[in-house]
Amino acid sequence: MRATQWLRTVFLSLFIGLGLCGTAIAQDEPGGGNAMGGPDLYNNLHHGNTSGPFGAYLSAAELRNWPQGSRRAVPERLVRERTAQILAEAGTPCDIVAAYNPGATRQRKEIYEIACREGPGYLVVATEAPAILNCLHLAATEEAQRAADPSRPVTSLCLLEGNKDPAAALRPLASRIDPACAVDQAAWIGRVGEDQDRYEIGCDGRDGLWLQTPINGTEITDSFSCLDLAAMGDACKFTTPEEQAATVAAWLPADGPACAADRARVVGVAGGSRYYELACGAESGLILSLTPEGRFDRAWPCAQAAGIAGGCKLARAGP
């Protein structure tokens, strides 16, 4: 994928004068949301959506025959028909590939589960004003609550096989941002404001990303590479320093400088060009630049890069 599609310029601005001597950097963090972490996920990101079958969490006391007990389940054909109508009326996109009726609320309102061809699946509580609950959101909430209290009964989890693999669910969305990303891990990690969900994507062997969609939507409204997030002080849970280094090192031409890359960082942006530092193991590192079109431009050994945003910070500036 072209680097211009991958790397953000809106939150990094580096002004490098003639001769690459003067620098100034400004950074803005992605608005709202947090990385997943223990009970803070539940307490801080759900904004009150924990009060029963209309919210993001259904307690054991509010469930009846969950999963299917003695009651007679609604046939899959009817589940598909009923949920398709509810989703259409709510404007929630989902090409239903599987459907299930795991139980009902104590008020005898049916709960339906559906898996979608792309994006998260949902639990749909068929009340007068139906609740549509993101399965990946529920899984993250459950994980946080179990971490806080391992003895708490498991409830409100999606049970269909298609809803148990976040990487598979989010792979079609991630490919829109980075077609080369082989998604190996993924999770819902936060709510941004009142109308956005945030997900983290891990890519096998390369830099990962965060992406945002409308709540219960699949349109990508924003995305951030993990390299750029690290420059802002955020950390991606599913991306390693080695994967980030491999991503940057891959931009070097075959006849370019040799580098056994093990770490990388974003240096900044100037005039549309992007600058990165690579640490090269025991050897001296380098700073490289990409053109505004995302092609490799040139590289400087750390010993010659002191005037670029303060020079190398990951590697020794050897000869």
Protein backbone atom coordinates (compact mmCIF):
# COMPACT_ATOMS: atom_id res chain seq x y z
CA MET A 1 0.00 0.00 0.00
CA ARG A 2 1.27 3.52 -0.76
CA ALA A 3 2.54 5.27 2.32
CA THR A 4 0.36 8.28 1.55
CA GLN A 5 -2.65 6.11 2.27
CA TRP A 6 -1.11 4.69 5.41
CA LEU A 7 0.48 7.52 7.35
CA ARG A 8 -1.28 10.48 8.86
CA THR A 9 -0.19 14.06 8.35
CA VAL A 10 -2.94 15.81 10.29
CA PHE A 11 -1.35 15.31 13.68
CA LEU A 12 2.39 15.49 12.89
CA SER A 13 3.92 18.65 11.42
CA LEU A 14 7.68 19.01 11.07
CA PHE A 15 9.17 22.12 9.48
CA ILE A 16 12.73 21.50 8.32
CA GLY A 17 14.63 24.52 7.02
CA LEU A 18 17.13 24.61 4.19
CA GLY A 19 20.04 22.38 5.08
CA LEU A 20 17.75 20.38 7.45
CA CYS A 21 18.82 22.46 10.47
CA GLY A 22 15.73 23.90 12.19
CA THR A 23 12.76 21.93 13.51
CA ALA A 24 9.38 22.38 15.19
CA ILE A 25 6.95 19.56 15.92
CA ALA A 26 3.28 19.72 16.86
CA GLN A 27 1.22 16.65 17.69
CA ASP A 28 -2.45 16.09 18.45
CA GLU A 29 -3.75 12.87 19.94
CA PRO A 30 -6.72 11.07 18.39
CA GLY A 31 -9.82 12.44 20.03
CA GLY A 32 -11.52 10.43 22.75
CA GLY A 33 -11.40 6.76 23.54
CA ASN A 34 -8.75 4.72 25.27
CA ALA A 35 -6.89 1.50 24.75
CA MET A 36 -8.50 -1.48 26.41
CA GLY A 37 -7.33 -1.97 29.96
CA GLY A 38 -9.01 -3.68 32.90
CA PRO A 39 -12.06 -2.19 34.59
CA ASP A 40 -11.34 1.26 33.15
CA LEU A 41 -12.77 0.03 29.86
CA TYR A 42 -16.07 -0.75 31.54
CA ASN A 43 -16.14 2.25 33.84
CA ASN A 44 -14.92 4.97 31.51
CA LEU A 45 -15.87 4.04 27.96
CA HIS A 46 -19.45 2.87 28.14
CA HIS A 47 -21.00 6.15 29.23
CA GLY A 48 -23.85 4.59 31.20
CA ASN A 49 -24.73 1.82 28.73
CA THR A 50 -24.76 -0.81 31.46
CA SER A 51 -28.28 -0.63 32.82
CA GLY A 52 -29.94 -3.71 31.44
CA PRO A 53 -31.31 -5.11 28.22
CA PHE A 54 -31.34 -1.70 26.54
CA GLY A 55 -27.65 -1.10 27.24
CA ALA A 56 -24.36 -2.70 26.30
CA TYR A 57 -24.45 -5.30 29.06
CA LEU A 58 -27.14 -7.81 30.00
CA SER A 59 -26.76 -9.08 33.56
CA ALA A 60 -27.51 -12.67 34.59
CA ALA A 61 -30.56 -11.43 36.50
CA GLU A 62 -32.01 -10.01 33.30
CA LEU A 63 -31.58 -13.11 31.16
CA ARG A 64 -33.95 -16.02 30.84
CA ASN A 65 -32.81 -19.41 29.51
CA TRP A 66 -29.44 -18.12 28.34
CA PRO A 67 -28.26 -19.84 26.29
CA GLN A 68 -31.17 -21.97 25.15
CA GLY A 69 -32.71 -23.88 28.01
CA SER A 70 -36.17 -25.44 28.23
CA ARG A 71 -37.77 -22.81 26.07
CA ARG A 72 -38.42 -23.41 22.39
CA ALA A 73 -35.99 -21.41 20.28
CA VAL A 74 -37.14 -19.19 17.44
CA PRO A 75 -36.14 -20.87 14.13
CA GLU A 76 -33.15 -19.36 12.30
CA ARG A 77 -35.29 -18.37 9.32
CA LEU A 78 -37.50 -16.20 11.52
CA VAL A 79 -34.52 -14.77 13.36
CA ARG A 80 -33.04 -13.68 10.04
CA GLU A 81 -36.32 -12.09 8.94
CA ARG A 82 -36.94 -10.28 12.21
CA THR A 83 -33.40 -8.99 12.66
CA ALA A 84 -33.09 -7.91 9.03
CA GLN A 85 -36.12 -5.69 9.49
CA ILE A 86 -34.84 -4.28 12.80
CA LEU A 87 -31.39 -3.56 11.35
CA ALA A 88 -32.83 -1.95 8.23
CA GLU A 89 -35.01 0.36 10.31
CA ALA A 90 -32.00 1.27 12.48
CA GLY A 91 -29.71 1.84 9.47
CA THR A 92 -27.28 -0.83 10.69
CA PRO A 93 -25.49 -2.55 7.78
CA CYS A 94 -25.20 -6.34 8.00
CA ASP A 95 -25.19 -9.04 5.36
CA ILE A 96 -26.44 -11.79 7.70
CA VAL A 97 -24.52 -15.06 7.36
CA ALA A 98 -25.81 -16.81 10.51
CA ALA A 99 -28.57 -16.21 13.02
CA TYR A 100 -29.48 -17.66 16.41
CA ASN A 101 -31.97 -17.20 19.25
CA PRO A 102 -30.01 -17.83 22.48
CA GLY A 103 -32.68 -16.75 24.93
CA ALA A 104 -34.84 -13.91 26.15
CA THR A 105 -34.89 -11.21 28.80
CA ARG A 106 -36.79 -11.68 32.06
CA GLN A 107 -39.47 -9.53 30.48
CA ARG A 108 -39.77 -12.28 27.79
CA LYS A 109 -38.34 -10.12 25.05
CA GLU A 110 -36.48 -12.28 22.55
CA ILE A 111 -32.75 -11.90 22.11
CA TYR A 112 -31.35 -12.65 18.65
CA GLU A 113 -27.74 -13.06 17.63
CA ILE A 114 -26.54 -12.53 14.08
CA ALA A 115 -23.16 -12.80 12.37
CA CYS A 116 -22.36 -10.43 9.49
CA ARG A 117 -20.26 -11.02 6.40
CA GLU A 118 -18.01 -8.11 7.41
CA GLY A 119 -17.71 -6.13 10.61
CA PRO A 120 -18.97 -7.13 14.06
CA GLY A 121 -22.01 -9.27 14.64
CA TYR A 122 -24.79 -8.21 16.98
CA LEU A 123 -27.13 -9.19 19.76
CA VAL A 124 -30.54 -7.72 19.04
CA VAL A 125 -32.98 -7.34 21.93
CA ALA A 126 -36.44 -7.26 20.37
CA THR A 127 -38.06 -4.69 22.62
CA GLU A 128 -40.39 -1.94 21.45
CA ALA A 129 -37.27 0.17 20.84
CA PRO A 130 -34.84 -2.62 19.87
CA ALA A 131 -31.33 -2.63 21.33
CA ILE A 132 -28.54 -3.54 18.87
CA LEU A 133 -25.40 -4.59 20.74
CA ASN A 134 -21.99 -4.95 19.08
CA CYS A 135 -20.54 -8.43 19.80
CA LEU A 136 -16.96 -7.13 19.87
CA HIS A 137 -17.98 -4.43 22.35
CA LEU A 138 -19.63 -7.08 24.51
CA ALA A 139 -16.55 -9.32 24.38
CA ALA A 140 -14.27 -6.45 25.45
CA THR A 141 -16.65 -5.53 28.28
CA GLU A 142 -16.79 -9.15 29.43
CA GLU A 143 -12.99 -9.45 29.36
CA ALA A 144 -12.58 -6.30 31.44
CA GLN A 145 -15.17 -7.40 33.97
CA ARG A 146 -13.70 -10.89 34.26
CA ALA A 147 -10.28 -9.33 34.86
CA ALA A 148 -11.75 -7.28 37.68
CA ASP A 149 -13.78 -10.18 39.14
CA PRO A 150 -12.89 -13.67 37.85
CA SER A 151 -15.74 -15.22 39.86
CA ARG A 152 -18.44 -13.23 38.07
CA PRO A 153 -20.67 -15.40 35.85
CA VAL A 154 -20.14 -15.03 32.12
CA THR A 155 -23.13 -13.39 30.43
CA SER A 156 -23.92 -11.34 27.35
CA LEU A 157 -21.37 -13.03 25.14
CA CYS A 158 -22.10 -13.75 21.50
CA LEU A 159 -22.17 -17.51 20.88
CA LEU A 160 -22.06 -17.92 17.10
CA GLU A 161 -18.70 -19.10 15.78
CA GLY A 162 -18.61 -16.22 13.30
CA ASN A 163 -18.74 -13.75 16.20
CA LYS A 164 -15.93 -15.31 18.24
CA ASP A 165 -13.08 -14.21 15.94
CA PRO A 166 -12.55 -10.42 15.96
CA ALA A 167 -9.69 -10.71 13.45
CA ALA A 168 -11.96 -12.35 10.88
CA ALA A 169 -14.76 -9.86 11.53
CA LEU A 170 -12.52 -6.82 11.06
CA ARG A 171 -10.30 -8.15 8.26
CA PRO A 172 -12.50 -6.67 5.48
CA LEU A 173 -12.42 -3.26 7.18
CA ALA A 174 -8.65 -3.33 7.75
CA SER A 175 -8.01 -4.21 4.10
CA ARG A 176 -9.54 -0.88 3.06
CA ILE A 177 -6.76 0.93 4.93
CA ASP A 178 -3.88 -1.49 4.36
CA PRO A 179 -4.51 -4.21 1.76
CA ALA A 180 -1.18 -5.83 2.73
CA CYS A 181 -2.25 -6.30 6.35
CA ALA A 182 -2.74 -9.96 7.23
CA VAL A 183 -4.88 -9.41 10.32
CA ASP A 184 -3.77 -11.70 13.14
CA GLN A 185 -5.37 -9.94 16.15
CA ALA A 186 -8.16 -7.43 16.61
CA ALA A 187 -10.44 -6.02 19.30
CA TRP A 188 -12.90 -3.28 20.13
CA ILE A 189 -10.91 -0.87 22.30
CA GLY A 190 -13.12 2.10 23.04
CA ARG A 191 -15.96 4.45 22.39
CA VAL A 192 -15.06 7.82 20.93
CA GLY A 193 -17.52 10.53 21.84
CA GLU A 194 -21.15 9.51 21.52
CA ASP A 195 -21.15 8.04 18.04
CA GLN A 196 -17.88 6.25 17.20
CA ASP A 197 -16.40 2.83 17.94
CA ARG A 198 -12.64 2.34 17.90
CA TYR A 199 -10.88 -0.93 17.04
CA GLU A 200 -7.28 -2.04 17.11
CA ILE A 201 -5.92 -4.20 14.30
CA GLY A 202 -2.73 -6.27 14.47
CA CYS A 203 -1.01 -7.14 11.18
CA ASP A 204 1.25 -10.18 10.91
CA GLY A 205 4.83 -8.97 10.42
CA ARG A 206 4.01 -5.30 9.85
CA ASP A 207 2.72 -2.16 11.53
CA GLY A 208 -0.84 -2.28 12.82
CA LEU A 209 -3.51 0.40 13.17
CA TRP A 210 -6.49 1.81 14.97
CA LEU A 211 -9.63 2.45 12.97
CA GLN A 212 -12.94 4.08 13.81
CA THR A 213 -16.46 3.52 12.56
CA PRO A 214 -19.87 4.89 13.47
CA ILE A 215 -21.46 2.88 16.27
CA ASN A 216 -22.90 -0.28 14.69
CA GLY A 217 -21.45 0.73 11.34
CA THR A 218 -18.76 -0.42 8.93
CA GLU A 219 -17.81 2.88 7.28
CA ILE A 220 -14.28 3.84 8.33
CA THR A 221 -14.32 7.42 9.54
CA ASP A 222 -10.73 7.63 10.78
CA SER A 223 -7.57 5.54 11.08
CA PHE A 224 -4.14 5.85 12.68
CA SER A 225 -1.04 3.76 12.10
CA CYS A 226 0.63 2.34 15.20
CA LEU A 227 3.86 4.10 14.21
CA ASP A 228 2.08 7.44 14.29
CA LEU A 229 0.30 6.55 17.52
CA ALA A 230 3.65 5.76 19.17
CA ALA A 231 4.86 9.23 18.15
CA MET A 232 1.90 10.64 20.09
CA GLY A 233 2.54 8.53 23.18
CA ASP A 234 -0.10 5.87 22.52
CA ALA A 235 0.70 2.18 22.29
CA CYS A 236 -0.77 -0.56 20.13
CA LYS A 237 -1.30 -3.81 22.03
CA PHE A 238 -1.07 -6.06 18.95
CA THR A 239 2.01 -4.56 17.23
CA THR A 240 5.63 -5.19 18.20
CA PRO A 241 8.65 -2.90 17.72
CA GLU A 242 10.06 -5.50 15.34
CA GLU A 243 6.95 -5.35 13.15
CA GLN A 244 7.17 -1.57 12.99
CA ALA A 245 10.86 -1.75 12.11
CA ALA A 246 10.15 -4.28 9.35
CA THR A 247 7.51 -1.95 7.89
CA VAL A 248 9.89 1.01 7.66
CA ALA A 249 12.86 -1.09 6.52
CA ALA A 250 10.77 -2.43 3.63
CA TRP A 251 10.73 1.08 2.14
CA LEU A 252 14.51 1.01 1.62
CA PRO A 253 15.52 0.12 -1.96
CA ALA A 254 17.34 -3.13 -2.62
CA ASP A 255 20.53 -1.22 -3.41
CA GLY A 256 20.09 1.13 -0.46
CA PRO A 257 21.87 1.12 2.90
CA ALA A 258 21.95 -2.18 4.75
CA CYS A 259 20.11 -2.19 8.08
CA ALA A 260 19.28 -5.06 10.41
CA ALA A 261 16.31 -3.07 11.64
CA ASP A 262 14.94 -3.74 15.11
CA ARG A 263 13.21 -0.46 16.02
CA ALA A 264 11.63 2.44 14.16
CA ARG A 265 9.91 5.72 14.88
CA VAL A 266 8.20 8.57 13.09
CA VAL A 267 10.42 11.66 13.01
CA GLY A 268 7.94 14.00 11.33
CA VAL A 269 6.59 15.54 8.15
CA ALA A 270 7.93 18.50 6.15
CA GLY A 271 6.52 19.75 2.86
CA GLY A 272 4.59 16.53 2.46
CA SER A 273 7.71 14.36 2.82
CA ARG A 274 7.80 11.92 5.73
CA TYR A 275 10.83 11.16 7.86
CA TYR A 276 11.51 8.00 9.88
CA GLU A 277 14.34 6.71 12.02
CA LEU A 278 15.55 3.11 11.89
CA ALA A 279 17.73 1.50 14.53
CA CYS A 280 19.98 -1.10 12.92
CA GLY A 281 20.95 -3.41 15.75
CA ALA A 282 24.59 -2.96 16.80
CA GLU A 283 25.31 -0.84 13.74
CA SER A 284 24.70 2.84 13.28
CA GLY A 285 21.11 3.65 12.42
CA LEU A 286 19.71 6.02 9.85
CA ILE A 287 16.96 8.48 9.04
CA LEU A 288 15.10 8.04 5.77
CA SER A 289 12.54 10.12 3.93
CA LEU A 290 9.62 9.33 1.66
CA THR A 291 8.32 11.66 -1.04
CA PRO A 292 4.78 13.09 -0.76
CA GLU A 293 3.76 10.27 -3.13
CA GLY A 294 5.09 7.67 -0.69
CA ARG A 295 8.25 6.64 -2.56
CA PHE A 296 11.68 6.31 -0.99
CA ASP A 297 13.66 9.53 -1.36
CA ARG A 298 16.95 9.27 0.50
CA ALA A 299 18.60 8.09 3.71
CA TRP A 300 21.13 9.67 6.05
CA PRO A 301 23.40 7.78 8.47
CA CYS A 302 22.78 8.96 12.02
CA ALA A 303 26.19 10.66 12.03
CA GLN A 304 24.95 12.96 9.26
CA ALA A 305 21.39 13.45 10.52
CA ALA A 306 21.88 15.67 13.58
CA GLY A 307 20.03 18.53 11.85
CA ILE A 308 16.88 16.51 11.19
CA ALA A 309 14.53 17.09 14.12
CA GLY A 310 17.37 16.66 16.59
CA GLY A 311 18.81 13.62 14.87
CA CYS A 312 18.64 9.96 15.79
CA LYS A 313 17.13 9.02 19.12
CA LEU A 314 16.91 5.23 18.80
CA ALA A 315 20.42 4.38 17.65
CA ARG A 316 23.96 5.49 18.34
CA ALA A 317 25.23 8.06 15.84
CA GLY A 318 28.29 6.09 14.81
CA PRO A 319 30.48 6.61 11.71
